[in-house]
């Protein structure tokens, strides 16, 4: 079982790198890291990178992070450890992560109640 310091959440956020107009899909996110899907390998020599996350209904969050791992052939991309949230937006980032946690709890509660109703209908 994988031990994590912070829970990770599935997301629909897009990542943008300077000079590259491609919108990269962010597969999952946590308080201190994320995994960006990418069809190519990134240069690990440039371990500290800058990028922006475009969070729907909020805006772009500028981030500095370290590439901590490459993806696999089945799941290409890069894992990034967040080092700094730029432009004093760390509080906004924290609120977004908190909101993702509430959404996860709401989804789990929804699924639990639907399962209960399904069981009632079968008895």
PDB file of N, CA and C in Angstrom:
ATOM      1  N   UNK A   1       0.841  -1.187   0.000  1.00  0.00           N
ATOM      2  CA  UNK A   1       0.000   0.000   0.000  1.00  0.00           C
ATOM      3  C   UNK A   1       0.886   1.250   0.000  1.00  0.00           C
ATOM      4  N   UNK A   2       0.523   2.206  -0.828  1.00  0.00           N
ATOM      5  CA  UNK A   2       1.285   3.434  -0.975  1.00  0.00           C
ATOM      6  C   UNK A   2       1.033   4.352   0.222  1.00  0.00           C
ATOM      7  N   UNK A   3       2.120   4.819   0.868  1.00  0.00           N
ATOM      8  CA  UNK A   3       1.995   5.765   1.966  1.00  0.00           C
ATOM      9  C   UNK A   3       2.196   7.172   1.422  1.00  0.00           C
ATOM     10  N   UNK A   4       1.252   8.045   1.687  1.00  0.00           N
ATOM     11  CA  UNK A   4       1.329   9.413   1.201  1.00  0.00           C
ATOM     12  C   UNK A   4       1.211  10.363   2.385  1.00  0.00           C
ATOM     13  N   UNK A   5       1.901  11.489   2.292  1.00  0.00           N
ATOM     14  CA  UNK A   5       1.787  12.525   3.321  1.00  0.00           C
ATOM     15  C   UNK A   5       0.471  13.272   3.184  1.00  0.00           C
ATOM     16  N   UNK A   6       0.022  13.444   1.934  1.00  0.00           N
ATOM     17  CA  UNK A   6      -1.190  14.202   1.656  1.00  0.00           C
ATOM     18  C   UNK A   6      -2.074  13.402   0.717  1.00  0.00           C
ATOM     19  N   UNK A   7      -3.390  13.446   0.924  1.00  0.00           N
ATOM     20  CA  UNK A   7      -4.276  12.711   0.001  1.00  0.00           C
ATOM     21  C   UNK A   7      -4.219  13.316  -1.393  1.00  0.00           C
ATOM     22  N   UNK A   8      -4.400  12.448  -2.398  1.00  0.00           N
ATOM     23  CA  UNK A   8      -4.437  12.955  -3.770  1.00  0.00           C
ATOM     24  C   UNK A   8      -5.858  12.854  -4.295  1.00  0.00           C
ATOM     25  N   UNK A   9      -6.163  13.743  -5.228  1.00  0.00           N
ATOM     26  CA  UNK A   9      -7.507  13.857  -5.773  1.00  0.00           C
ATOM     27  C   UNK A   9      -7.436  13.839  -7.298  1.00  0.00           C
ATOM     28  N   UNK A  10      -8.415  13.198  -7.908  1.00  0.00           N
ATOM     29  CA  UNK A  10      -8.556  13.267  -9.360  1.00  0.00           C
ATOM     30  C   UNK A  10      -9.030  14.668  -9.702  1.00  0.00           C
ATOM     31  N   UNK A  11      -8.634  15.149 -10.869  1.00  0.00           N
ATOM     32  CA  UNK A  11      -8.955  16.525 -11.216  1.00  0.00           C
ATOM     33  C   UNK A  11      -9.091  16.699 -12.722  1.00  0.00           C
ATOM     34  N   UNK A  12      -9.611  17.849 -13.123  1.00  0.00           N
ATOM     35  CA  UNK A  12      -9.738  18.192 -14.539  1.00  0.00           C
ATOM     36  C   UNK A  12      -8.955  19.462 -14.854  1.00  0.00           C
ATOM     37  N   UNK A  13      -7.936  19.721 -14.076  1.00  0.00           N
ATOM     38  CA  UNK A  13      -7.101  20.904 -14.242  1.00  0.00           C
ATOM     39  C   UNK A  13      -6.176  20.711 -15.442  1.00  0.00           C
ATOM     40  N   UNK A  14      -5.801  21.798 -16.077  1.00  0.00           N
ATOM     41  CA  UNK A  14      -4.846  21.776 -17.186  1.00  0.00           C
ATOM     42  C   UNK A  14      -3.569  22.496 -16.752  1.00  0.00           C
ATOM     43  N   UNK A  15      -2.438  22.007 -17.262  1.00  0.00           N
ATOM     44  CA  UNK A  15      -1.138  22.616 -16.972  1.00  0.00           C
ATOM     45  C   UNK A  15      -0.562  23.209 -18.244  1.00  0.00           C
ATOM     46  N   UNK A  16       0.117  24.330 -18.094  1.00  0.00           N
ATOM     47  CA  UNK A  16       0.755  25.024 -19.215  1.00  0.00           C
ATOM     48  C   UNK A  16       2.199  25.346 -18.848  1.00  0.00           C
ATOM     49  N   UNK A  17       3.109  25.084 -19.790  1.00  0.00           N
ATOM     50  CA  UNK A  17       4.517  25.387 -19.617  1.00  0.00           C
ATOM     51  C   UNK A  17       4.875  26.583 -20.490  1.00  0.00           C
ATOM     52  N   UNK A  18       5.798  27.441 -20.034  1.00  0.00           N
ATOM     53  CA  UNK A  18       6.185  28.617 -20.826  1.00  0.00           C
ATOM     54  C   UNK A  18       6.647  28.227 -22.231  1.00  0.00           C
ATOM     55  N   UNK A  19       6.158  28.945 -23.226  1.00  0.00           N
ATOM     56  CA  UNK A  19       6.563  28.710 -24.607  1.00  0.00           C
ATOM     57  C   UNK A  19       5.912  27.511 -25.267  1.00  0.00           C
ATOM     58  N   UNK A  20       5.014  26.837 -24.568  1.00  0.00           N
ATOM     59  CA  UNK A  20       4.333  25.654 -25.112  1.00  0.00           C
ATOM     60  C   UNK A  20       2.825  25.873 -24.986  1.00  0.00           C
ATOM     61  N   UNK A  21       2.112  26.030 -26.101  1.00  0.00           N
ATOM     62  CA  UNK A  21       0.673  26.300 -26.028  1.00  0.00           C
ATOM     63  C   UNK A  21      -0.178  25.075 -25.656  1.00  0.00           C
ATOM     64  N   UNK A  22       0.448  23.903 -25.541  1.00  0.00           N
ATOM     65  CA  UNK A  22      -0.288  22.675 -25.245  1.00  0.00           C
ATOM     66  C   UNK A  22      -0.912  22.733 -23.862  1.00  0.00           C
ATOM     67  N   UNK A  23      -2.167  22.307 -23.776  1.00  0.00           N
ATOM     68  CA  UNK A  23      -2.845  22.164 -22.478  1.00  0.00           C
ATOM     69  C   UNK A  23      -2.662  20.726 -22.023  1.00  0.00           C
ATOM     70  N   UNK A  24      -1.796  20.502 -21.052  1.00  0.00           N
ATOM     71  CA  UNK A  24      -1.531  19.157 -20.540  1.00  0.00           C
ATOM     72  C   UNK A  24      -2.535  18.809 -19.446  1.00  0.00           C
ATOM     73  N   UNK A  25      -3.039  17.591 -19.474  1.00  0.00           N
ATOM     74  CA  UNK A  25      -3.996  17.132 -18.484  1.00  0.00           C
ATOM     75  C   UNK A  25      -3.285  16.789 -17.178  1.00  0.00           C
ATOM     76  N   UNK A  26      -3.821  17.295 -16.087  1.00  0.00           N
ATOM     77  CA  UNK A  26      -3.322  16.935 -14.769  1.00  0.00           C
ATOM     78  C   UNK A  26      -4.185  15.784 -14.274  1.00  0.00           C
ATOM     79  N   UNK A  27      -3.560  14.629 -14.067  1.00  0.00           N
ATOM     80  CA  UNK A  27      -4.296  13.424 -13.691  1.00  0.00           C
ATOM     81  C   UNK A  27      -4.738  13.452 -12.234  1.00  0.00           C
ATOM     82  N   UNK A  28      -3.823  13.840 -11.353  1.00  0.00           N
ATOM     83  CA  UNK A  28      -4.182  13.930  -9.939  1.00  0.00           C
ATOM     84  C   UNK A  28      -3.353  15.017  -9.287  1.00  0.00           C
ATOM     85  N   UNK A  29      -3.822  15.420  -8.116  1.00  0.00           N
ATOM     86  CA  UNK A  29      -3.275  16.582  -7.436  1.00  0.00           C
ATOM     87  C   UNK A  29      -3.298  16.337  -5.939  1.00  0.00           C
ATOM     88  N   UNK A  30      -2.346  16.898  -5.221  1.00  0.00           N
ATOM     89  CA  UNK A  30      -2.382  16.907  -3.766  1.00  0.00           C
ATOM     90  C   UNK A  30      -1.840  18.253  -3.294  1.00  0.00           C
ATOM     91  N   UNK A  31      -1.798  18.449  -1.998  1.00  0.00           N
ATOM     92  CA  UNK A  31      -1.310  19.715  -1.454  1.00  0.00           C
ATOM     93  C   UNK A  31       0.112  20.012  -1.939  1.00  0.00           C
ATOM     94  N   UNK A  32       0.959  18.989  -2.027  1.00  0.00           N
ATOM     95  CA  UNK A  32       2.363  19.200  -2.353  1.00  0.00           C
ATOM     96  C   UNK A  32       2.820  18.562  -3.660  1.00  0.00           C
ATOM     97  N   UNK A  33       1.916  18.096  -4.503  1.00  0.00           N
ATOM     98  CA  UNK A  33       2.364  17.490  -5.739  1.00  0.00           C
ATOM     99  C   UNK A  33       1.247  17.221  -6.718  1.00  0.00           C
ATOM    100  N   UNK A  34       1.652  16.773  -7.915  1.00  0.00           N
ATOM    101  CA  UNK A  34       0.682  16.451  -8.949  1.00  0.00           C
ATOM    102  C   UNK A  34       1.347  15.597 -10.019  1.00  0.00           C
ATOM    103  N   UNK A  35       0.515  14.977 -10.841  1.00  0.00           N
ATOM    104  CA  UNK A  35       1.000  14.197 -11.969  1.00  0.00           C
ATOM    105  C   UNK A  35       0.396  14.766 -13.235  1.00  0.00           C
ATOM    106  N   UNK A  36       1.281  15.172 -14.164  1.00  0.00           N
ATOM    107  CA  UNK A  36       0.849  15.754 -15.431  1.00  0.00           C
ATOM    108  C   UNK A  36       1.053  14.720 -16.531  1.00  0.00           C
ATOM    109  N   UNK A  37      -0.021  14.399 -17.252  1.00  0.00           N
ATOM    110  CA  UNK A  37       0.065  13.475 -18.389  1.00  0.00           C
ATOM    111  C   UNK A  37       0.782  14.188 -19.529  1.00  0.00           C
ATOM    112  N   UNK A  38       1.728  13.499 -20.140  1.00  0.00           N
ATOM    113  CA  UNK A  38       2.458  14.070 -21.268  1.00  0.00           C
ATOM    114  C   UNK A  38       2.958  12.944 -22.161  1.00  0.00           C
ATOM    115  N   UNK A  39       2.841  13.100 -23.478  1.00  0.00           N
ATOM    116  CA  UNK A  39       3.237  12.029 -24.390  1.00  0.00           C
ATOM    117  C   UNK A  39       4.751  11.899 -24.574  1.00  0.00           C
ATOM    118  N   UNK A  40       5.526  12.817 -24.027  1.00  0.00           N
ATOM    119  CA  UNK A  40       6.977  12.779 -24.216  1.00  0.00           C
ATOM    120  C   UNK A  40       7.692  12.861 -22.871  1.00  0.00           C
ATOM    121  N   UNK A  41       8.964  12.511 -22.890  1.00  0.00           N
ATOM    122  CA  UNK A  41       9.802  12.594 -21.692  1.00  0.00           C
ATOM    123  C   UNK A  41      10.243  14.034 -21.469  1.00  0.00           C
ATOM    124  N   UNK A  42      10.393  14.413 -20.234  1.00  0.00           N
ATOM    125  CA  UNK A  42      10.905  15.728 -19.891  1.00  0.00           C
ATOM    126  C   UNK A  42      12.370  15.606 -19.505  1.00  0.00           C
ATOM    127  N   UNK A  43      13.103  16.668 -19.694  1.00  0.00           N
ATOM    128  CA  UNK A  43      14.527  16.688 -19.376  1.00  0.00           C
ATOM    129  C   UNK A  43      14.700  16.735 -17.861  1.00  0.00           C
ATOM    130  N   UNK A  44      15.210  15.644 -17.298  1.00  0.00           N
ATOM    131  CA  UNK A  44      15.399  15.582 -15.852  1.00  0.00           C
ATOM    132  C   UNK A  44      16.565  16.441 -15.378  1.00  0.00           C
ATOM    133  N   UNK A  45      17.407  16.911 -16.286  1.00  0.00           N
ATOM    134  CA  UNK A  45      18.494  17.805 -15.895  1.00  0.00           C
ATOM    135  C   UNK A  45      17.925  19.129 -15.407  1.00  0.00           C
ATOM    136  N   UNK A  46      16.815  19.519 -15.984  1.00  0.00           N
ATOM    137  CA  UNK A  46      16.121  20.727 -15.546  1.00  0.00           C
ATOM    138  C   UNK A  46      15.055  20.312 -14.539  1.00  0.00           C
ATOM    139  N   UNK A  47      15.491  19.916 -13.384  1.00  0.00           N
ATOM    140  CA  UNK A  47      14.564  19.363 -12.399  1.00  0.00           C
ATOM    141  C   UNK A  47      13.612  20.416 -11.835  1.00  0.00           C
ATOM    142  N   UNK A  48      14.069  21.647 -11.612  1.00  0.00           N
ATOM    143  CA  UNK A  48      13.181  22.695 -11.123  1.00  0.00           C
ATOM    144  C   UNK A  48      12.484  23.306 -12.333  1.00  0.00           C
ATOM    145  N   UNK A  49      11.175  23.271 -12.333  1.00  0.00           N
ATOM    146  CA  UNK A  49      10.434  23.791 -13.480  1.00  0.00           C
ATOM    147  C   UNK A  49       9.365  24.771 -13.023  1.00  0.00           C
ATOM    148  N   UNK A  50       8.954  25.610 -13.950  1.00  0.00           N
ATOM    149  CA  UNK A  50       7.882  26.574 -13.736  1.00  0.00           C
ATOM    150  C   UNK A  50       6.741  26.202 -14.674  1.00  0.00           C
ATOM    151  N   UNK A  51       5.520  26.258 -14.172  1.00  0.00           N
ATOM    152  CA  UNK A  51       4.344  26.017 -14.992  1.00  0.00           C
ATOM    153  C   UNK A  51       3.156  26.686 -14.336  1.00  0.00           C
ATOM    154  N   UNK A  52       2.051  26.716 -15.047  1.00  0.00           N
ATOM    155  CA  UNK A  52       0.821  27.285 -14.500  1.00  0.00           C
ATOM    156  C   UNK A  52      -0.285  26.250 -14.576  1.00  0.00           C
ATOM    157  N   UNK A  53      -1.085  26.186 -13.533  1.00  0.00           N
ATOM    158  CA  UNK A  53      -2.273  25.334 -13.529  1.00  0.00           C
ATOM    159  C   UNK A  53      -3.476  26.219 -13.764  1.00  0.00           C
ATOM    160  N   UNK A  54      -4.295  25.843 -14.728  1.00  0.00           N
ATOM    161  CA  UNK A  54      -5.524  26.573 -15.027  1.00  0.00           C
ATOM    162  C   UNK A  54      -6.663  25.853 -14.322  1.00  0.00           C
ATOM    163  N   UNK A  55      -7.092  26.426 -13.213  1.00  0.00           N
ATOM    164  CA  UNK A  55      -8.140  25.809 -12.398  1.00  0.00           C
ATOM    165  C   UNK A  55      -9.482  26.385 -12.821  1.00  0.00           C
ATOM    166  N   UNK A  56     -10.400  25.536 -13.296  1.00  0.00           N
ATOM    167  CA  UNK A  56     -11.703  26.034 -13.742  1.00  0.00           C
ATOM    168  C   UNK A  56     -12.377  26.881 -12.664  1.00  0.00           C
ATOM    169  N   UNK A  57     -12.977  27.953 -13.084  1.00  0.00           N
ATOM    170  CA  UNK A  57     -13.731  28.875 -12.250  1.00  0.00           C
ATOM    171  C   UNK A  57     -12.885  29.619 -11.224  1.00  0.00           C
ATOM    172  N   UNK A  58     -11.553  29.481 -11.292  1.00  0.00           N
ATOM    173  CA  UNK A  58     -10.669  30.221 -10.388  1.00  0.00           C
ATOM    174  C   UNK A  58      -9.675  31.035 -11.195  1.00  0.00           C
ATOM    175  N   UNK A  59      -8.866  30.366 -12.009  1.00  0.00           N
ATOM    176  CA  UNK A  59      -7.853  31.062 -12.795  1.00  0.00           C
ATOM    177  C   UNK A  59      -6.542  30.302 -12.780  1.00  0.00           C
ATOM    178  N   UNK A  60      -5.494  30.960 -13.260  1.00  0.00           N
ATOM    179  CA  UNK A  60      -4.181  30.312 -13.372  1.00  0.00           C
ATOM    180  C   UNK A  60      -3.363  30.531 -12.102  1.00  0.00           C
ATOM    181  N   UNK A  61      -2.780  29.442 -11.632  1.00  0.00           N
ATOM    182  CA  UNK A  61      -1.925  29.454 -10.454  1.00  0.00           C
ATOM    183  C   UNK A  61      -0.493  29.157 -10.916  1.00  0.00           C
ATOM    184  N   UNK A  62       0.448  30.099 -10.749  1.00  0.00           N
ATOM    185  CA  UNK A  62       1.836  29.861 -11.143  1.00  0.00           C
ATOM    186  C   UNK A  62       2.571  29.050 -10.074  1.00  0.00           C
ATOM    187  N   UNK A  63       3.282  28.007 -10.514  1.00  0.00           N
ATOM    188  CA  UNK A  63       3.899  27.054  -9.590  1.00  0.00           C
ATOM    189  C   UNK A  63       5.336  26.756 -10.006  1.00  0.00           C
ATOM    190  N   UNK A  64       6.193  26.612  -8.998  1.00  0.00           N
ATOM    191  CA  UNK A  64       7.546  26.086  -9.180  1.00  0.00           C
ATOM    192  C   UNK A  64       7.576  24.717  -8.531  1.00  0.00           C
ATOM    193  N   UNK A  65       8.192  23.754  -9.208  1.00  0.00           N
ATOM    194  CA  UNK A  65       8.255  22.418  -8.646  1.00  0.00           C
ATOM    195  C   UNK A  65       9.425  21.629  -9.174  1.00  0.00           C
ATOM    196  N   UNK A  66       9.695  20.521  -8.509  1.00  0.00           N
ATOM    197  CA  UNK A  66      10.739  19.589  -8.928  1.00  0.00           C
ATOM    198  C   UNK A  66      10.112  18.382  -9.598  1.00  0.00           C
ATOM    199  N   UNK A  67      10.681  17.962 -10.709  1.00  0.00           N
ATOM    200  CA  UNK A  67      10.279  16.696 -11.320  1.00  0.00           C
ATOM    201  C   UNK A  67      10.845  15.595 -10.433  1.00  0.00           C
ATOM    202  N   UNK A  68       9.978  14.771  -9.862  1.00  0.00           N
ATOM    203  CA  UNK A  68      10.438  13.709  -8.962  1.00  0.00           C
ATOM    204  C   UNK A  68      10.378  12.335  -9.614  1.00  0.00           C
ATOM    205  N   UNK A  69       9.583  12.199 -10.678  1.00  0.00           N
ATOM    206  CA  UNK A  69       9.590  10.937 -11.420  1.00  0.00           C
ATOM    207  C   UNK A  69       8.953  11.104 -12.782  1.00  0.00           C
ATOM    208  N   UNK A  70       9.349  10.222 -13.691  1.00  0.00           N
ATOM    209  CA  UNK A  70       8.729  10.136 -15.016  1.00  0.00           C
ATOM    210  C   UNK A  70       7.611   9.113 -14.925  1.00  0.00           C
ATOM    211  N   UNK A  71       6.657   9.229 -15.781  1.00  0.00           N
ATOM    212  CA  UNK A  71       5.595   8.238 -15.841  1.00  0.00           C
ATOM    213  C   UNK A  71       6.110   6.931 -16.426  1.00  0.00           C
ATOM    214  N   UNK A  72       5.173   6.068 -16.772  1.00  0.00           N
ATOM    215  CA  UNK A  72       5.512   4.772 -17.362  1.00  0.00           C
ATOM    216  C   UNK A  72       5.089   4.769 -18.829  1.00  0.00           C
ATOM    217  N   UNK A  73       5.398   3.693 -19.537  1.00  0.00           N
ATOM    218  CA  UNK A  73       4.945   3.578 -20.924  1.00  0.00           C
ATOM    219  C   UNK A  73       3.429   3.567 -21.004  1.00  0.00           C
ATOM    220  N   UNK A  74       2.771   2.933 -20.025  1.00  0.00           N
ATOM    221  CA  UNK A  74       1.303   2.886 -20.009  1.00  0.00           C
ATOM    222  C   UNK A  74       0.688   4.202 -19.543  1.00  0.00           C
ATOM    223  N   UNK A  75       1.409   4.940 -18.707  1.00  0.00           N
ATOM    224  CA  UNK A  75       0.902   6.192 -18.159  1.00  0.00           C
ATOM    225  C   UNK A  75       2.013   7.250 -18.220  1.00  0.00           C
ATOM    226  N   UNK A  76       2.287   7.774 -19.427  1.00  0.00           N
ATOM    227  CA  UNK A  76       3.382   8.728 -19.580  1.00  0.00           C
ATOM    228  C   UNK A  76       3.077  10.078 -18.935  1.00  0.00           C
ATOM    229  N   UNK A  77       4.113  10.696 -18.429  1.00  0.00           N
ATOM    230  CA  UNK A  77       3.964  12.009 -17.818  1.00  0.00           C
ATOM    231  C   UNK A  77       5.045  12.259 -16.794  1.00  0.00           C
ATOM    232  N   UNK A  78       4.806  13.259 -15.936  1.00  0.00           N
ATOM    233  CA  UNK A  78       5.772  13.590 -14.899  1.00  0.00           C
ATOM    234  C   UNK A  78       5.076  13.829 -13.560  1.00  0.00           C
ATOM    235  N   UNK A  79       5.728  13.339 -12.525  1.00  0.00           N
ATOM    236  CA  UNK A  79       5.297  13.638 -11.169  1.00  0.00           C
ATOM    237  C   UNK A  79       6.093  14.828 -10.675  1.00  0.00           C
ATOM    238  N   UNK A  80       5.406  15.791 -10.111  1.00  0.00           N
ATOM    239  CA  UNK A  80       6.050  17.028  -9.676  1.00  0.00           C
ATOM    240  C   UNK A  80       5.758  17.273  -8.196  1.00  0.00           C
ATOM    241  N   UNK A  81       6.809  17.582  -7.457  1.00  0.00           N
ATOM    242  CA  UNK A  81       6.666  18.031  -6.071  1.00  0.00           C
ATOM    243  C   UNK A  81       6.622  19.550  -6.098  1.00  0.00           C
ATOM    244  N   UNK A  82       5.603  20.117  -5.518  1.00  0.00           N
ATOM    245  CA  UNK A  82       5.445  21.568  -5.507  1.00  0.00           C
ATOM    246  C   UNK A  82       6.409  22.179  -4.493  1.00  0.00           C
ATOM    247  N   UNK A  83       7.157  23.184  -4.961  1.00  0.00           N
ATOM    248  CA  UNK A  83       8.116  23.881  -4.106  1.00  0.00           C
ATOM    249  C   UNK A  83       7.546  25.228  -3.670  1.00  0.00           C
ATOM    250  N   UNK A  84       6.934  25.936  -4.623  1.00  0.00           N
ATOM    251  CA  UNK A  84       6.421  27.269  -4.307  1.00  0.00           C
ATOM    252  C   UNK A  84       5.235  27.610  -5.196  1.00  0.00           C
ATOM    253  N   UNK A  85       4.242  28.217  -4.578  1.00  0.00           N
ATOM    254  CA  UNK A  85       3.108  28.789  -5.304  1.00  0.00           C
ATOM    255  C   UNK A  85       3.414  30.278  -5.418  1.00  0.00           C
ATOM    256  N   UNK A  86       3.458  30.789  -6.630  1.00  0.00           N
ATOM    257  CA  UNK A  86       3.876  32.164  -6.881  1.00  0.00           C
ATOM    258  C   UNK A  86       2.723  33.151  -6.687  1.00  0.00           C
ATOM    259  N   UNK A  87       3.086  34.429  -6.602  1.00  0.00           N
ATOM    260  CA  UNK A  87       2.158  35.565  -6.550  1.00  0.00           C
ATOM    261  C   UNK A  87       1.218  35.513  -5.361  1.00  0.00           C
ATOM    262  N   UNK A  88       1.682  35.022  -4.224  1.00  0.00           N
ATOM    263  CA  UNK A  88       0.886  34.980  -2.991  1.00  0.00           C
ATOM    264  C   UNK A  88      -0.432  34.223  -3.161  1.00  0.00           C
ATOM    265  N   UNK A  89      -0.430  33.190  -4.007  1.00  0.00           N
ATOM    266  CA  UNK A  89      -1.650  32.426  -4.260  1.00  0.00           C
ATOM    267  C   UNK A  89      -1.684  31.095  -3.512  1.00  0.00           C
ATOM    268  N   UNK A  90      -0.786  30.893  -2.554  1.00  0.00           N
ATOM    269  CA  UNK A  90      -0.769  29.639  -1.789  1.00  0.00           C
ATOM    270  C   UNK A  90      -2.085  29.426  -1.044  1.00  0.00           C
ATOM    271  N   UNK A  91      -2.665  30.504  -0.515  1.00  0.00           N
ATOM    272  CA  UNK A  91      -3.940  30.378   0.198  1.00  0.00           C
ATOM    273  C   UNK A  91      -5.057  29.922  -0.756  1.00  0.00           C
ATOM    274  N   UNK A  92      -5.052  30.457  -1.963  1.00  0.00           N
ATOM    275  CA  UNK A  92      -6.032  30.042  -2.972  1.00  0.00           C
ATOM    276  C   UNK A  92      -5.848  28.555  -3.276  1.00  0.00           C
ATOM    277  N   UNK A  93      -4.590  28.129  -3.420  1.00  0.00           N
ATOM    278  CA  UNK A  93      -4.288  26.716  -3.662  1.00  0.00           C
ATOM    279  C   UNK A  93      -4.844  25.856  -2.522  1.00  0.00           C
ATOM    280  N   UNK A  94      -4.616  26.283  -1.290  1.00  0.00           N
ATOM    281  CA  UNK A  94      -5.115  25.544  -0.133  1.00  0.00           C
ATOM    282  C   UNK A  94      -6.629  25.425  -0.140  1.00  0.00           C
ATOM    283  N   UNK A  95      -7.306  26.492  -0.478  1.00  0.00           N
ATOM    284  CA  UNK A  95      -8.777  26.459  -0.549  1.00  0.00           C
ATOM    285  C   UNK A  95      -9.247  25.509  -1.644  1.00  0.00           C
ATOM    286  N   UNK A  96      -8.540  25.495  -2.776  1.00  0.00           N
ATOM    287  CA  UNK A  96      -8.903  24.589  -3.862  1.00  0.00           C
ATOM    288  C   UNK A  96      -8.741  23.134  -3.434  1.00  0.00           C
ATOM    289  N   UNK A  97      -7.633  22.812  -2.768  1.00  0.00           N
ATOM    290  CA  UNK A  97      -7.414  21.444  -2.293  1.00  0.00           C
ATOM    291  C   UNK A  97      -8.492  21.069  -1.283  1.00  0.00           C
ATOM    292  N   UNK A  98      -8.836  22.000  -0.401  1.00  0.00           N
ATOM    293  CA  UNK A  98      -9.901  21.748   0.580  1.00  0.00           C
ATOM    294  C   UNK A  98     -11.227  21.484  -0.141  1.00  0.00           C
ATOM    295  N   UNK A  99     -11.497  22.250  -1.194  1.00  0.00           N
ATOM    296  CA  UNK A  99     -12.733  22.053  -1.960  1.00  0.00           C
ATOM    297  C   UNK A  99     -12.743  20.676  -2.623  1.00  0.00           C
ATOM    298  N   UNK A 100     -11.592  20.235  -3.135  1.00  0.00           N
ATOM    299  CA  UNK A 100     -11.514  18.893  -3.731  1.00  0.00           C
ATOM    300  C   UNK A 100     -11.823  17.820  -2.695  1.00  0.00           C
ATOM    301  N   UNK A 101     -11.382  18.034  -1.465  1.00  0.00           N
ATOM    302  CA  UNK A 101     -11.675  17.073  -0.407  1.00  0.00           C
ATOM    303  C   UNK A 101     -13.178  17.021  -0.128  1.00  0.00           C
ATOM    304  N   UNK A 102     -13.834  18.182  -0.072  1.00  0.00           N
ATOM    305  CA  UNK A 102     -15.289  18.203   0.139  1.00  0.00           C
ATOM    306  C   UNK A 102     -16.020  17.524  -1.015  1.00  0.00           C
ATOM    307  N   UNK A 103     -15.559  17.737  -2.242  1.00  0.00           N
ATOM    308  CA  UNK A 103     -16.182  17.081  -3.394  1.00  0.00           C
ATOM    309  C   UNK A 103     -16.020  15.561  -3.311  1.00  0.00           C
ATOM    310  N   UNK A 104     -14.847  15.116  -2.895  1.00  0.00           N
ATOM    311  CA  UNK A 104     -14.615  13.674  -2.730  1.00  0.00           C
ATOM    312  C   UNK A 104     -15.567  13.106  -1.674  1.00  0.00           C
ATOM    313  N   UNK A 105     -15.698  13.799  -0.546  1.00  0.00           N
ATOM    314  CA  UNK A 105     -16.621  13.345   0.504  1.00  0.00           C
ATOM    315  C   UNK A 105     -18.059  13.315  -0.006  1.00  0.00           C
ATOM    316  N   UNK A 106     -18.456  14.317  -0.772  1.00  0.00           N
ATOM    317  CA  UNK A 106     -19.817  14.362  -1.317  1.00  0.00           C
ATOM    318  C   UNK A 106     -20.055  13.198  -2.278  1.00  0.00           C
ATOM    319  N   UNK A 107     -19.046  12.894  -3.126  1.00  0.00           N
ATOM    320  CA  UNK A 107     -19.158  11.771  -4.063  1.00  0.00           C
ATOM    321  C   UNK A 107     -19.314  10.449  -3.316  1.00  0.00           C
ATOM    322  N   UNK A 108     -18.486  10.267  -2.275  1.00  0.00           N
ATOM    323  CA  UNK A 108     -18.547   9.033  -1.484  1.00  0.00           C
ATOM    324  C   UNK A 108     -19.892   8.895  -0.780  1.00  0.00           C
ATOM    325  N   UNK A 109     -20.399   9.985  -0.235  1.00  0.00           N
ATOM    326  CA  UNK A 109     -21.701   9.955   0.439  1.00  0.00           C
ATOM    327  C   UNK A 109     -22.819   9.658  -0.562  1.00  0.00           C
ATOM    328  N   UNK A 110     -22.757  10.258  -1.726  1.00  0.00           N
ATOM    329  CA  UNK A 110     -23.726   9.995  -2.780  1.00  0.00           C
ATOM    330  C   UNK A 110     -23.744   8.511  -3.135  1.00  0.00           C
ATOM    331  N   UNK A 111     -22.551   7.960  -3.384  1.00  0.00           N
ATOM    332  CA  UNK A 111     -22.456   6.547  -3.753  1.00  0.00           C
ATOM    333  C   UNK A 111     -22.988   5.640  -2.648  1.00  0.00           C
ATOM    334  N   UNK A 112     -22.676   5.977  -1.392  1.00  0.00           N
ATOM    335  CA  UNK A 112     -23.162   5.177  -0.261  1.00  0.00           C
ATOM    336  C   UNK A 112     -24.692   5.190  -0.201  1.00  0.00           C
ATOM    337  N   UNK A 113     -25.279   6.357  -0.371  1.00  0.00           N
ATOM    338  CA  UNK A 113     -26.748   6.466  -0.304  1.00  0.00           C
ATOM    339  C   UNK A 113     -27.426   5.778  -1.490  1.00  0.00           C
ATOM    340  N   UNK A 114     -26.835   5.870  -2.663  1.00  0.00           N
ATOM    341  CA  UNK A 114     -27.389   5.182  -3.833  1.00  0.00           C
ATOM    342  C   UNK A 114     -27.345   3.674  -3.620  1.00  0.00           C
ATOM    343  N   UNK A 115     -26.233   3.182  -3.080  1.00  0.00           N
ATOM    344  CA  UNK A 115     -26.124   1.744  -2.782  1.00  0.00           C
ATOM    345  C   UNK A 115     -27.167   1.308  -1.761  1.00  0.00           C
ATOM    346  N   UNK A 116     -27.397   2.132  -0.735  1.00  0.00           N
ATOM    347  CA  UNK A 116     -28.414   1.817   0.274  1.00  0.00           C
ATOM    348  C   UNK A 116     -29.801   1.736  -0.379  1.00  0.00           C
ATOM    349  N   UNK A 117     -30.108   2.683  -1.241  1.00  0.00           N
ATOM    350  CA  UNK A 117     -31.421   2.697  -1.910  1.00  0.00           C
ATOM    351  C   UNK A 117     -31.567   1.488  -2.831  1.00  0.00           C
ATOM    352  N   UNK A 118     -30.489   1.120  -3.494  1.00  0.00           N
ATOM    353  CA  UNK A 118     -30.518  -0.053  -4.375  1.00  0.00           C
ATOM    354  C   UNK A 118     -30.789  -1.311  -3.570  1.00  0.00           C
ATOM    355  N   UNK A 119     -30.136  -1.434  -2.416  1.00  0.00           N
ATOM    356  CA  UNK A 119     -30.345  -2.602  -1.549  1.00  0.00           C
ATOM    357  C   UNK A 119     -31.783  -2.645  -1.038  1.00  0.00           C
ATOM    358  N   UNK A 120     -32.347  -1.496  -0.681  1.00  0.00           N
ATOM    359  CA  UNK A 120     -33.737  -1.434  -0.203  1.00  0.00           C
ATOM    360  C   UNK A 120     -34.701  -1.907  -1.304  1.00  0.00           C
ATOM    361  N   UNK A 121     -34.416  -1.518  -2.532  1.00  0.00           N
ATOM    362  CA  UNK A 121     -35.272  -1.873  -3.653  1.00  0.00           C
ATOM    363  C   UNK A 121     -35.242  -3.349  -3.972  1.00  0.00           C
ATOM    364  N   UNK A 122     -34.152  -4.039  -3.598  1.00  0.00           N
ATOM    365  CA  UNK A 122     -33.999  -5.467  -3.880  1.00  0.00           C
ATOM    366  C   UNK A 122     -34.591  -6.334  -2.774  1.00  0.00           C
ATOM    367  N   UNK A 123     -34.856  -5.773  -1.614  1.00  0.00           N
ATOM    368  CA  UNK A 123     -35.383  -6.593  -0.509  1.00  0.00           C
ATOM    369  C   UNK A 123     -36.866  -6.610  -0.455  1.00  0.00           C
TER     370      UNK A 123
END
